[in-house]
Protein backbone atom coordinates (compact mmCIF):
# COMPACT_ATOMS: atom_id res chain seq x y z
CA MET A 1 0.00 0.00 0.00
CA LEU A 2 1.30 3.44 -0.93
CA ALA A 3 0.22 6.41 1.11
CA TRP A 4 1.24 10.03 1.06
CA GLY A 5 2.99 11.05 4.21
CA LYS A 6 4.56 14.09 5.71
CA ASN A 7 6.30 16.55 3.34
CA GLY A 8 4.92 14.77 0.30
CA ALA A 9 6.97 11.61 0.82
CA ARG A 10 5.38 8.27 0.20
CA SER A 11 5.68 5.46 2.66
CA GLN A 12 6.22 2.13 1.05
CA THR A 13 5.38 -1.04 2.91
CA ARG A 14 6.14 -3.29 -0.03
CA HIS A 15 9.82 -3.80 0.83
CA GLY A 16 9.49 -4.01 4.58
CA ASN A 17 9.78 -0.28 5.17
CA SER A 18 6.60 0.14 7.15
CA SER A 19 7.98 2.92 9.32
CA GLY A 20 6.95 5.58 6.83
CA SER A 21 10.44 7.01 6.44
CA ASN A 22 11.52 8.49 3.18
CA GLY A 23 14.64 6.38 2.70
CA ARG A 24 17.09 8.12 4.99
CA LEU A 25 16.84 5.40 7.63
CA ALA A 26 17.00 2.71 4.98
CA LYS A 27 20.46 3.94 4.00
CA GLY A 28 21.42 3.88 7.66
CA GLY A 29 20.18 0.31 7.79
CA ARG A 30 22.46 -0.57 4.91
CA MET A 31 25.37 1.02 6.70
CA ALA A 32 24.54 -0.95 9.84
CA LYS A 33 24.45 -4.15 7.80
CA LEU A 34 27.79 -3.28 6.21
CA ALA A 35 29.32 -2.57 9.61
CA GLU A 36 27.96 -5.87 10.94
CA TYR A 37 29.37 -7.69 7.92
CA LEU A 38 32.81 -6.15 8.47
CA ARG A 39 32.70 -7.08 12.17
CA ASN A 40 31.92 -10.66 11.21
CA LEU A 41 34.89 -10.68 8.84
CA ASP A 42 37.15 -9.71 11.74
CA GLU A 43 35.70 -12.52 13.84
CA ASN A 44 36.22 -14.99 11.00
CA ASP A 45 39.92 -14.10 10.88
CA ASN A 46 40.26 -16.31 13.95
CA GLU A 47 39.18 -19.24 11.76
CA LEU A 48 42.35 -19.15 9.65
CA ASP A 49 43.90 -22.23 8.15
CA VAL A 50 46.57 -24.12 10.05
CA HIS A 51 49.79 -24.69 8.11
CA LEU A 52 51.53 -27.87 9.07
CA ILE A 53 54.50 -29.96 8.06
CA LEU A 54 53.86 -33.70 8.08
CA LEU A 55 57.04 -35.80 8.17
CA PRO A 56 57.71 -39.54 8.47
CA LEU A 57 59.41 -40.59 11.71
CA ASP A 58 62.33 -42.51 10.21
CA GLY A 59 62.12 -41.83 6.50
CA GLU A 60 59.50 -44.51 5.94
CA SER A 61 57.06 -44.05 3.09
CA LEU A 62 58.56 -40.71 2.18
CA ILE A 63 57.93 -41.36 -1.50
CA ASN A 64 54.28 -42.21 -0.84
CA LEU A 65 53.64 -38.92 0.94
CA PRO A 66 54.32 -36.25 -1.67
CA THR A 67 52.87 -33.36 0.32
CA TRP A 68 54.94 -32.27 3.26
CA TYR A 69 53.25 -28.93 3.66
CA LEU A 70 49.51 -29.13 4.30
CA CYS A 71 46.89 -26.50 4.99
CA CYS A 72 43.98 -27.62 7.19
CA ARG A 73 41.05 -26.04 8.96
CA PRO A 74 41.52 -25.55 12.72
CA SER A 75 38.50 -27.78 13.30
CA SER A 76 40.29 -30.73 11.65
CA SER A 77 41.33 -33.45 14.04
CA ILE A 78 44.29 -35.78 14.33
CA ARG A 79 41.92 -38.55 13.22
CA HIS A 80 41.56 -36.75 9.86
CA LEU A 81 45.33 -36.58 9.47
CA ARG A 82 45.65 -40.27 10.35
CA GLN A 83 43.12 -41.09 7.63
CA PHE A 84 45.02 -38.90 5.16
CA VAL A 85 48.35 -40.61 5.90
CA ALA A 86 46.71 -44.05 5.82
CA HIS A 87 45.24 -43.31 2.41
CA LYS A 88 48.55 -42.03 1.02
CA THR A 89 50.58 -44.95 2.41
CA SER A 90 48.01 -47.71 1.71
CA GLN A 91 47.69 -48.55 5.41
CA GLN A 92 44.79 -48.76 7.84
CA ALA A 93 44.12 -45.61 9.87
CA GLU A 94 44.53 -47.63 13.08
CA GLU A 95 48.12 -48.43 12.06
CA VAL A 96 49.11 -44.76 11.80
CA GLU A 97 50.35 -42.76 14.77
CA ILE A 98 50.70 -38.98 14.71
CA TYR A 99 53.19 -37.21 16.98
CA GLY A 100 53.53 -33.54 17.71
CA ARG A 101 57.04 -32.18 17.55
CA LYS A 102 57.82 -29.57 20.16
CA PRO A 103 59.54 -26.63 18.48
CA GLN A 104 63.32 -26.72 18.74
CA PHE A 105 64.58 -23.19 19.13
CA GLY A 106 67.35 -22.48 16.69
CA ASP A 107 65.92 -24.74 13.96
CA THR A 108 65.38 -22.55 10.94
CA ALA A 109 64.41 -25.15 8.37
CA ILE A 110 63.70 -28.85 8.13
CA LYS A 111 66.16 -30.25 5.64
CA ASP A 112 65.61 -33.98 6.15
CA GLU A 113 64.29 -36.50 8.62
CA ALA A 114 67.63 -36.57 10.44
CA LYS A 115 66.46 -33.65 12.53
CA LEU A 116 63.76 -35.91 13.94
CA ASP A 117 66.23 -37.77 16.15
CA HIS A 118 65.02 -35.64 19.06
CA LEU A 119 62.60 -38.35 20.21
CA GLU A 120 62.17 -36.66 23.56
CA SER A 121 60.56 -33.71 21.78
CA LEU A 122 57.82 -35.91 20.26
CA GLU A 123 54.44 -36.33 21.93
CA ILE A 124 51.83 -38.81 20.72
CA LEU A 125 48.54 -37.15 19.83
CA ALA A 126 45.05 -38.51 20.43
CA GLY A 127 42.68 -38.83 17.49
CA ASP A 128 40.01 -36.52 18.86
CA GLU A 129 42.29 -33.52 19.40
CA SER A 130 41.65 -30.61 17.05
CA LEU A 131 44.44 -28.70 15.34
CA ALA A 132 43.22 -25.48 16.94
CA LYS A 133 43.96 -26.86 20.42
CA LEU A 134 47.37 -28.15 19.37
CA CYS A 135 48.60 -24.94 17.74
CA ALA A 136 49.82 -23.39 20.98
CA SER A 137 52.07 -26.35 21.78
CA PHE A 138 53.49 -27.31 18.41
CA ILE A 139 53.87 -24.11 16.34
CA SER A 140 57.45 -23.56 15.19
CA ALA A 141 59.20 -20.22 14.93
CA ARG A 142 58.21 -20.12 11.24
CA GLY A 143 54.51 -20.46 12.12
CA ASP A 144 54.11 -24.05 10.91
CA MET A 145 52.90 -26.90 13.07
CA GLU A 146 55.36 -29.76 12.87
CA LEU A 147 53.76 -33.20 13.04
CA VAL A 148 55.42 -36.57 12.56
CA TYR A 149 53.74 -39.79 11.51
CA ALA A 150 54.77 -43.41 12.01
CA ILE A 151 53.33 -46.72 10.90
CA LYS A 152 52.88 -49.11 13.85
CA ARG A 153 54.99 -52.23 13.60
CA GLN A 154 53.28 -55.62 13.91
CA SER A 155 54.95 -57.61 16.67
């Protein structure tokens, strides 16, 4: 319904503007929506991807795992990484163990698996842990999370 209002302006209820304003508040509403959108973008910056380096424990299956540098969502779990490694190495997910490598200060780059001889710096990770929780403990000086995988040996 269109009706003539104050100062010759029409109120238009067709598009949800039942207040009878002449459009000035509608522009303010758009600005409020834009501001809300920008605030949400800032909040979503916390949901950034986690960059991680996935290395074999003792050089095993290095050829079968072509991607050392992965980018995952923070909500991904260790279980997802175990499934990824199992798929790439043709193993069962239950046979794969993932370890977190505590950052070694002074390490500037990972050149080969020889740097992984610091077994005391490895911590086995449970399958239900999310990458977001693990970031604080295992982020290196370069900003990557260093994880190590191993295939369980049958005894």
